[in-house]
C-alpha atoms as a PDB file:
ATOM      1  CA  UNK A   1      -3.650  -2.544  13.258  1.00  0.00           C
ATOM      2  CA  UNK A   2      -6.185  -1.551  10.629  1.00  0.00           C
ATOM      3  CA  UNK A   3      -8.449   1.508  10.579  1.00  0.00           C
ATOM      4  CA  UNK A   4     -11.816   0.994  12.222  1.00  0.00           C
ATOM      5  CA  UNK A   5     -14.675   2.311  10.111  1.00  0.00           C
ATOM      6  CA  UNK A   6     -17.411   1.611  12.708  1.00  0.00           C
ATOM      7  CA  UNK A   7     -17.621   2.630  16.387  1.00  0.00           C
ATOM      8  CA  UNK A   8     -15.984   0.170  18.722  1.00  0.00           C
ATOM      9  CA  UNK A   9     -18.461  -1.803  20.794  1.00  0.00           C
ATOM     10  CA  UNK A  10     -17.307  -3.739  23.818  1.00  0.00           C
ATOM     11  CA  UNK A  11     -18.536  -7.267  24.291  1.00  0.00           C
ATOM     12  CA  UNK A  12     -18.336  -9.570  27.243  1.00  0.00           C
ATOM     13  CA  UNK A  13     -15.212 -11.609  27.903  1.00  0.00           C
ATOM     14  CA  UNK A  14     -14.416 -13.541  31.045  1.00  0.00           C
ATOM     15  CA  UNK A  15     -15.266 -11.651  34.187  1.00  0.00           C
ATOM     16  CA  UNK A  16     -11.949 -10.481  35.668  1.00  0.00           C
ATOM     17  CA  UNK A  17     -11.511  -6.708  35.797  1.00  0.00           C
ATOM     18  CA  UNK A  18      -7.899  -5.689  36.000  1.00  0.00           C
ATOM     19  CA  UNK A  19      -5.033  -4.076  34.152  1.00  0.00           C
ATOM     20  CA  UNK A  20      -4.050  -4.054  30.533  1.00  0.00           C
ATOM     21  CA  UNK A  21      -0.707  -5.839  30.368  1.00  0.00           C
ATOM     22  CA  UNK A  22       0.728  -3.494  27.740  1.00  0.00           C
ATOM     23  CA  UNK A  23      -0.637  -0.089  28.655  1.00  0.00           C
ATOM     24  CA  UNK A  24      -1.123  -0.101  32.418  1.00  0.00           C
ATOM     25  CA  UNK A  25      -4.497   0.626  34.053  1.00  0.00           C
ATOM     26  CA  UNK A  26      -7.368   0.489  31.566  1.00  0.00           C
ATOM     27  CA  UNK A  27      -9.355   3.681  31.198  1.00  0.00           C
ATOM     28  CA  UNK A  28     -11.761   2.254  28.625  1.00  0.00           C
ATOM     29  CA  UNK A  29     -12.688  -0.998  26.916  1.00  0.00           C
ATOM     30  CA  UNK A  30     -12.394   0.826  23.591  1.00  0.00           C
ATOM     31  CA  UNK A  31      -8.605   0.546  23.732  1.00  0.00           C
ATOM     32  CA  UNK A  32      -7.524   0.553  20.082  1.00  0.00           C
ATOM     33  CA  UNK A  33      -4.169   1.133  18.425  1.00  0.00           C
ATOM     34  CA  UNK A  34      -2.940   4.521  17.290  1.00  0.00           C
ATOM     35  CA  UNK A  35      -4.794   5.336  14.068  1.00  0.00           C
ATOM     36  CA  UNK A  36      -1.519   6.318  12.391  1.00  0.00           C
ATOM     37  CA  UNK A  37      -0.514   2.635  12.381  1.00  0.00           C
ATOM     38  CA  UNK A  38      -3.803   1.299  11.066  1.00  0.00           C
ATOM     39  CA  UNK A  39      -4.956   0.203   7.605  1.00  0.00           C
ATOM     40  CA  UNK A  40      -8.336  -0.573   6.114  1.00  0.00           C
ATOM     41  CA  UNK A  41      -9.669  -4.083   5.491  1.00  0.00           C
ATOM     42  CA  UNK A  42     -12.002  -5.151   2.671  1.00  0.00           C
ATOM     43  CA  UNK A  43     -15.628  -4.170   3.194  1.00  0.00           C
ATOM     44  CA  UNK A  44     -18.180  -6.456   4.766  1.00  0.00           C
ATOM     45  CA  UNK A  45     -16.288  -8.202   7.579  1.00  0.00           C
ATOM     46  CA  UNK A  46     -18.798 -10.076   9.753  1.00  0.00           C
ATOM     47  CA  UNK A  47     -16.229 -10.808  12.481  1.00  0.00           C
ATOM     48  CA  UNK A  48     -13.056  -8.783  13.008  1.00  0.00           C
ATOM     49  CA  UNK A  49     -11.121  -9.468  16.204  1.00  0.00           C
ATOM     50  CA  UNK A  50      -8.341  -6.864  16.204  1.00  0.00           C
ATOM     51  CA  UNK A  51      -7.068  -7.967  19.638  1.00  0.00           C
ATOM     52  CA  UNK A  52      -6.202  -4.491  20.896  1.00  0.00           C
ATOM     53  CA  UNK A  53      -7.962  -4.995  24.248  1.00  0.00           C
ATOM     54  CA  UNK A  54      -7.112  -7.117  27.275  1.00  0.00           C
ATOM     55  CA  UNK A  55      -9.146 -10.287  26.634  1.00  0.00           C
ATOM     56  CA  UNK A  56      -9.698 -10.792  30.365  1.00  0.00           C
ATOM     57  CA  UNK A  57     -11.646  -7.504  30.377  1.00  0.00           C
ATOM     58  CA  UNK A  58     -13.352  -7.315  26.977  1.00  0.00           C
ATOM     59  CA  UNK A  59     -12.916  -8.675  23.468  1.00  0.00           C
ATOM     60  CA  UNK A  60     -14.087  -6.376  20.689  1.00  0.00           C
ATOM     61  CA  UNK A  61     -15.562  -7.584  17.420  1.00  0.00           C
ATOM     62  CA  UNK A  62     -15.164  -4.594  15.122  1.00  0.00           C
ATOM     63  CA  UNK A  63     -16.930  -6.421  12.275  1.00  0.00           C
ATOM     64  CA  UNK A  64     -20.412  -7.479  13.313  1.00  0.00           C
ATOM     65  CA  UNK A  65     -20.123  -6.735  17.067  1.00  0.00           C
ATOM     66  CA  UNK A  66     -20.764 -10.331  18.068  1.00  0.00           C
ATOM     67  CA  UNK A  67     -20.142 -11.559  21.599  1.00  0.00           C
ATOM     68  CA  UNK A  68     -16.674 -13.048  22.089  1.00  0.00           C
ATOM     69  CA  UNK A  69     -15.999 -14.913  25.336  1.00  0.00           C
ATOM     70  CA  UNK A  70     -13.205 -16.841  27.022  1.00  0.00           C
ATOM     71  CA  UNK A  71     -13.463 -19.136  30.017  1.00  0.00           C
ATOM     72  CA  UNK A  72      -9.667 -19.509  30.015  1.00  0.00           C
ATOM     73  CA  UNK A  73      -8.430 -16.332  28.385  1.00  0.00           C
ATOM     74  CA  UNK A  74      -5.269 -15.731  26.349  1.00  0.00           C
ATOM     75  CA  UNK A  75      -2.970 -12.881  27.315  1.00  0.00           C
ATOM     76  CA  UNK A  76      -2.469  -9.665  25.400  1.00  0.00           C
ATOM     77  CA  UNK A  77       0.986  -9.397  23.878  1.00  0.00           C
ATOM     78  CA  UNK A  78       2.724  -8.154  20.759  1.00  0.00           C
ATOM     79  CA  UNK A  79       0.788  -8.724  17.543  1.00  0.00           C
ATOM     80  CA  UNK A  80       1.788  -8.597  13.913  1.00  0.00           C
ATOM     81  CA  UNK A  81       0.753  -4.948  14.101  1.00  0.00           C
ATOM     82  CA  UNK A  82      -0.101  -3.434  17.461  1.00  0.00           C
ATOM     83  CA  UNK A  83      -1.293  -6.010  19.993  1.00  0.00           C
ATOM     84  CA  UNK A  84      -2.264  -9.655  19.564  1.00  0.00           C
ATOM     85  CA  UNK A  85      -3.451 -12.561  21.712  1.00  0.00           C
ATOM     86  CA  UNK A  86      -0.987 -15.129  23.052  1.00  0.00           C
ATOM     87  CA  UNK A  87      -2.199 -18.711  23.594  1.00  0.00           C
ATOM     88  CA  UNK A  88      -0.454 -21.289  25.790  1.00  0.00           C
ATOM     89  CA  UNK A  89      -2.164 -24.624  24.980  1.00  0.00           C
ATOM     90  CA  UNK A  90      -4.947 -23.878  27.489  1.00  0.00           C
ATOM     91  CA  UNK A  91      -6.739 -20.709  26.335  1.00  0.00           C
ATOM     92  CA  UNK A  92      -9.561 -20.336  23.826  1.00  0.00           C
ATOM     93  CA  UNK A  93     -11.813 -17.519  22.604  1.00  0.00           C
ATOM     94  CA  UNK A  94     -15.278 -18.420  21.291  1.00  0.00           C
ATOM     95  CA  UNK A  95     -17.708 -16.432  19.150  1.00  0.00           C
ATOM     96  CA  UNK A  96     -21.271 -17.728  19.045  1.00  0.00           C
ATOM     97  CA  UNK A  97     -22.978 -18.311  15.730  1.00  0.00           C
ATOM     98  CA  UNK A  98     -25.564 -15.790  14.498  1.00  0.00           C
ATOM     99  CA  UNK A  99     -27.937 -15.381  11.545  1.00  0.00           C
ATOM    100  CA  UNK A 100     -25.636 -12.944   9.743  1.00  0.00           C
ATOM    101  CA  UNK A 101     -22.707 -15.420   9.882  1.00  0.00           C
ATOM    102  CA  UNK A 102     -24.233 -18.020   7.544  1.00  0.00           C
ATOM    103  CA  UNK A 103     -21.451 -19.631   5.471  1.00  0.00           C
ATOM    104  CA  UNK A 104     -23.630 -21.691   3.122  1.00  0.00           C
ATOM    105  CA  UNK A 105     -23.222 -19.378   0.102  1.00  0.00           C
ATOM    106  CA  UNK A 106     -19.477 -18.842   0.557  1.00  0.00           C
ATOM    107  CA  UNK A 107     -17.033 -17.331   3.025  1.00  0.00           C
ATOM    108  CA  UNK A 108     -13.512 -16.152   3.808  1.00  0.00           C
ATOM    109  CA  UNK A 109     -11.586 -16.884   7.003  1.00  0.00           C
ATOM    110  CA  UNK A 110      -8.235 -15.210   7.695  1.00  0.00           C
ATOM    111  CA  UNK A 111      -5.786 -14.748  10.569  1.00  0.00           C
ATOM    112  CA  UNK A 112      -2.213 -13.726  11.325  1.00  0.00           C
ATOM    113  CA  UNK A 113      -0.343 -16.514  13.144  1.00  0.00           C
ATOM    114  CA  UNK A 114       3.007 -16.812  14.924  1.00  0.00           C
ATOM    115  CA  UNK A 115       3.801 -20.335  16.119  1.00  0.00           C
ATOM    116  CA  UNK A 116       5.819 -20.900  19.271  1.00  0.00           C
ATOM    117  CA  UNK A 117       5.560 -24.698  18.961  1.00  0.00           C
ATOM    118  CA  UNK A 118       4.217 -27.128  16.388  1.00  0.00           C
ATOM    119  CA  UNK A 119       1.259 -29.367  17.104  1.00  0.00           C
ATOM    120  CA  UNK A 120       1.969 -31.987  19.742  1.00  0.00           C
ATOM    121  CA  UNK A 121      -0.395 -34.543  18.198  1.00  0.00           C
ATOM    122  CA  UNK A 122      -1.986 -34.521  14.731  1.00  0.00           C
ATOM    123  CA  UNK A 123      -2.913 -30.827  14.461  1.00  0.00           C
ATOM    124  CA  UNK A 124      -3.532 -27.623  16.409  1.00  0.00           C
ATOM    125  CA  UNK A 125      -5.698 -24.736  15.239  1.00  0.00           C
ATOM    126  CA  UNK A 126      -5.656 -20.952  15.149  1.00  0.00           C
ATOM    127  CA  UNK A 127      -9.148 -20.040  13.799  1.00  0.00           C
ATOM    128  CA  UNK A 128     -12.065 -22.420  13.252  1.00  0.00           C
ATOM    129  CA  UNK A 129     -15.829 -22.648  12.731  1.00  0.00           C
ATOM    130  CA  UNK A 130     -17.886 -25.709  13.509  1.00  0.00           C
ATOM    131  CA  UNK A 131     -21.183 -26.408  11.799  1.00  0.00           C
ATOM    132  CA  UNK A 132     -23.071 -28.454  14.345  1.00  0.00           C
ATOM    133  CA  UNK A 133     -22.730 -29.747  17.861  1.00  0.00           C
ATOM    134  CA  UNK A 134     -19.415 -29.771  19.679  1.00  0.00           C
ATOM    135  CA  UNK A 135     -17.527 -32.425  17.700  1.00  0.00           C
ATOM    136  CA  UNK A 136     -14.203 -31.046  16.503  1.00  0.00           C
ATOM    137  CA  UNK A 137     -14.342 -33.333  13.465  1.00  0.00           C
ATOM    138  CA  UNK A 138     -16.955 -31.251  11.624  1.00  0.00           C
ATOM    139  CA  UNK A 139     -15.686 -27.828  10.598  1.00  0.00           C
ATOM    140  CA  UNK A 140     -16.896 -25.277   8.102  1.00  0.00           C
ATOM    141  CA  UNK A 141     -13.307 -24.066   8.197  1.00  0.00           C
ATOM    142  CA  UNK A 142     -10.176 -24.784  10.188  1.00  0.00           C
ATOM    143  CA  UNK A 143      -6.976 -22.768   9.810  1.00  0.00           C
ATOM    144  CA  UNK A 144      -4.659 -25.239  11.507  1.00  0.00           C
ATOM    145  CA  UNK A 145      -1.141 -26.747  11.314  1.00  0.00           C
ATOM    146  CA  UNK A 146       0.431 -30.153  11.881  1.00  0.00           C
ATOM    147  CA  UNK A 147       3.369 -31.516  13.900  1.00  0.00           C
ATOM    148  CA  UNK A 148       5.869 -30.211  11.330  1.00  0.00           C
ATOM    149  CA  UNK A 149       4.327 -26.745  10.992  1.00  0.00           C
ATOM    150  CA  UNK A 150       2.563 -27.422   7.691  1.00  0.00           C
ATOM    151  CA  UNK A 151      -0.551 -25.213   7.494  1.00  0.00           C
ATOM    152  CA  UNK A 152      -3.800 -27.141   7.054  1.00  0.00           C
ATOM    153  CA  UNK A 153      -6.871 -25.588   5.460  1.00  0.00           C
ATOM    154  CA  UNK A 154      -9.564 -27.989   6.624  1.00  0.00           C
ATOM    155  CA  UNK A 155     -13.295 -28.280   5.995  1.00  0.00           C
ATOM    156  CA  UNK A 156     -15.917 -31.014   6.177  1.00  0.00           C
ATOM    157  CA  UNK A 157     -18.955 -31.693   4.039  1.00  0.00           C
ATOM    158  CA  UNK A 158     -22.415 -32.109   5.543  1.00  0.00           C
ATOM    159  CA  UNK A 159     -21.777 -35.771   6.463  1.00  0.00           C
ATOM    160  CA  UNK A 160     -18.328 -35.103   7.944  1.00  0.00           C
ATOM    161  CA  UNK A 161     -16.014 -36.054   5.054  1.00  0.00           C
ATOM    162  CA  UNK A 162     -12.758 -34.098   5.363  1.00  0.00           C
ATOM    163  CA  UNK A 163     -11.248 -31.933   2.642  1.00  0.00           C
ATOM    164  CA  UNK A 164      -7.739 -30.718   3.477  1.00  0.00           C
ATOM    165  CA  UNK A 165      -5.505 -28.342   1.544  1.00  0.00           C
ATOM    166  CA  UNK A 166      -1.879 -27.883   2.617  1.00  0.00           C
ATOM    167  CA  UNK A 167       0.896 -25.331   2.341  1.00  0.00           C
ATOM    168  CA  UNK A 168       4.619 -25.372   3.124  1.00  0.00           C
ATOM    169  CA  UNK A 169       5.895 -25.627   6.701  1.00  0.00           C
ATOM    170  CA  UNK A 170       5.848 -22.403   8.715  1.00  0.00           C
ATOM    171  CA  UNK A 171       8.965 -21.487  10.719  1.00  0.00           C
ATOM    172  CA  UNK A 172       8.554 -20.909  14.443  1.00  0.00           C
ATOM    173  CA  UNK A 173       8.552 -17.386  15.901  1.00  0.00           C
ATOM    174  CA  UNK A 174       7.587 -15.670  12.613  1.00  0.00           C
ATOM    175  CA  UNK A 175       4.338 -13.976  11.648  1.00  0.00           C
ATOM    176  CA  UNK A 176       2.522 -15.456   8.661  1.00  0.00           C
ATOM    177  CA  UNK A 177      -0.919 -14.796   7.227  1.00  0.00           C
ATOM    178  CA  UNK A 178      -3.345 -17.660   6.528  1.00  0.00           C
ATOM    179  CA  UNK A 179      -6.586 -17.327   4.586  1.00  0.00           C
ATOM    180  CA  UNK A 180      -9.164 -19.660   3.094  1.00  0.00           C
ATOM    181  CA  UNK A 181     -12.026 -18.838   0.724  1.00  0.00           C
ATOM    182  CA  UNK A 182     -14.959 -20.857  -0.606  1.00  0.00           C
ATOM    183  CA  UNK A 183     -17.401 -19.670  -3.257  1.00  0.00           C
ATOM    184  CA  UNK A 184     -19.933 -22.452  -2.827  1.00  0.00           C
ATOM    185  CA  UNK A 185     -17.917 -24.808  -5.017  1.00  0.00           C
ATOM    186  CA  UNK A 186     -14.216 -24.019  -5.045  1.00  0.00           C
ATOM    187  CA  UNK A 187     -11.991 -23.752  -1.981  1.00  0.00           C
ATOM    188  CA  UNK A 188      -8.732 -21.797  -2.126  1.00  0.00           C
ATOM    189  CA  UNK A 189      -5.902 -21.629   0.426  1.00  0.00           C
ATOM    190  CA  UNK A 190      -3.468 -18.712   0.826  1.00  0.00           C
ATOM    191  CA  UNK A 191      -0.266 -18.172   2.798  1.00  0.00           C
ATOM    192  CA  UNK A 192       1.079 -14.617   2.995  1.00  0.00           C
ATOM    193  CA  UNK A 193      -1.197 -13.543   0.141  1.00  0.00           C
ATOM    194  CA  UNK A 194      -0.118 -16.296  -2.262  1.00  0.00           C
ATOM    195  CA  UNK A 195      -2.464 -19.104  -3.294  1.00  0.00           C
ATOM    196  CA  UNK A 196      -0.885 -22.401  -2.256  1.00  0.00           C
ATOM    197  CA  UNK A 197      -3.674 -24.871  -3.057  1.00  0.00           C
ATOM    198  CA  UNK A 198      -7.214 -25.072  -4.412  1.00  0.00           C
ATOM    199  CA  UNK A 199      -9.882 -27.637  -5.136  1.00  0.00           C
ATOM    200  CA  UNK A 200     -13.581 -28.254  -5.645  1.00  0.00           C
ATOM    201  CA  UNK A 201     -15.468 -29.459  -2.583  1.00  0.00           C
ATOM    202  CA  UNK A 202     -18.726 -29.273  -0.668  1.00  0.00           C
ATOM    203  CA  UNK A 203     -18.612 -27.643   2.771  1.00  0.00           C
ATOM    204  CA  UNK A 204     -21.107 -28.009   5.586  1.00  0.00           C
ATOM    205  CA  UNK A 205     -22.563 -24.949   7.294  1.00  0.00           C
ATOM    206  CA  UNK A 206     -24.545 -24.741  10.502  1.00  0.00           C
ATOM    207  CA  UNK A 207     -24.744 -23.202  13.951  1.00  0.00           C
ATOM    208  CA  UNK A 208     -21.422 -24.244  15.485  1.00  0.00           C
ATOM    209  CA  UNK A 209     -19.229 -21.734  17.300  1.00  0.00           C
ATOM    210  CA  UNK A 210     -16.126 -19.978  16.017  1.00  0.00           C
ATOM    211  CA  UNK A 211     -12.961 -20.842  17.920  1.00  0.00           C
ATOM    212  CA  UNK A 212      -9.806 -18.743  18.231  1.00  0.00           C
ATOM    213  CA  UNK A 213      -6.734 -20.560  19.542  1.00  0.00           C
ATOM    214  CA  UNK A 214      -8.421 -23.971  19.544  1.00  0.00           C
ATOM    215  CA  UNK A 215     -11.158 -26.044  17.925  1.00  0.00           C
ATOM    216  CA  UNK A 216     -13.938 -26.270  20.512  1.00  0.00           C
ATOM    217  CA  UNK A 217     -11.810 -27.393  23.411  1.00  0.00           C
ATOM    218  CA  UNK A 218      -9.191 -29.424  21.541  1.00  0.00           C
ATOM    219  CA  UNK A 219      -6.278 -28.853  19.123  1.00  0.00           C
ATOM    220  CA  UNK A 220      -5.073 -25.938  21.238  1.00  0.00           C
ATOM    221  CA  UNK A 221      -2.554 -23.405  19.945  1.00  0.00           C
ATOM    222  CA  UNK A 222       0.839 -22.553  21.435  1.00  0.00           C
ATOM    223  CA  UNK A 223       1.552 -19.221  19.780  1.00  0.00           C
ATOM    224  CA  UNK A 224       0.107 -15.798  18.979  1.00  0.00           C
ATOM    225  CA  UNK A 225      -2.621 -14.593  16.643  1.00  0.00           C
ATOM    226  CA  UNK A 226      -3.732 -11.235  15.319  1.00  0.00           C
ATOM    227  CA  UNK A 227      -6.594  -9.882  13.206  1.00  0.00           C
ATOM    228  CA  UNK A 228      -8.949 -12.848  12.946  1.00  0.00           C
ATOM    229  CA  UNK A 229     -11.447 -12.070  10.183  1.00  0.00           C
ATOM    230  CA  UNK A 230     -14.532 -13.747   8.762  1.00  0.00           C
ATOM    231  CA  UNK A 231     -16.632 -12.761   5.724  1.00  0.00           C
ATOM    232  CA  UNK A 232     -19.738 -14.368   4.258  1.00  0.00           C
ATOM    233  CA  UNK A 233     -18.289 -13.943   0.770  1.00  0.00           C
ATOM    234  CA  UNK A 234     -15.103 -15.154  -0.918  1.00  0.00           C
ATOM    235  CA  UNK A 235     -12.592 -12.321  -1.053  1.00  0.00           C
ATOM    236  CA  UNK A 236     -10.799 -11.676  -4.325  1.00  0.00           C
ATOM    237  CA  UNK A 237      -7.054 -12.248  -4.593  1.00  0.00           C
ATOM    238  CA  UNK A 238      -6.319  -8.526  -4.325  1.00  0.00           C
ATOM    239  CA  UNK A 239      -8.322  -8.382  -1.087  1.00  0.00           C
ATOM    240  CA  UNK A 240      -6.458 -11.357   0.384  1.00  0.00           C
ATOM    241  CA  UNK A 241      -3.187  -9.675  -0.540  1.00  0.00           C
ATOM    242  CA  UNK A 242      -4.380  -6.510   1.182  1.00  0.00           C
ATOM    243  CA  UNK A 243      -4.943  -8.457   4.404  1.00  0.00           C
ATOM    244  CA  UNK A 244      -1.515 -10.118   4.117  1.00  0.00           C
ATOM    245  CA  UNK A 245       0.487  -6.896   3.842  1.00  0.00           C
ATOM    246  CA  UNK A 246       2.931  -6.715   6.796  1.00  0.00           C
END
């Protein structure tokens, strides 16, 4: 995992208290990876889910310390580096919107993803942000993939019109890094630190929740994720490449 510059703060997950499925009995919710295996991330992360804790006990946001919850929790398993969260088509982690998460002036969303199965119908999602209500059709961003494993970098404008950038199909059972930036005008899509598509578009922003492993109850992931990040600025190419280093 990456080096944590701020103190770890535990936030509420679903209510079961139990055992960490990698490290045995949990002594603390601040259960991070060995610092020798960590790296830094670009400054200013507003959400940073490192996924080093058992999500059924606590989910830490090492960016802005926002509350992350799961009614049906993923399991903790091997990540791209250290631990990650494993989703089985039923689990979802949600992060509530907050004032400091406003995407209207630009943003970056990024996540490591390992697919165990492609989408069963239309698309499934790894990391998303809605901008109003619960409808899964209106996203500020959606890092998703289709039935053939093609990554989809989705967003909607303020009236719901879809803009979708695409990459090349991702193989199953391999870790790959997805990232999307928007500077208020131009949207860019990256796979493993390489820009794969770009275009000019409007994107809606509002008070919808962030979803990890699903898009607000639908489009559920069968696979693993690691290091979900969100910034309220577009990262530069060098910063995206930093995140995508294996």
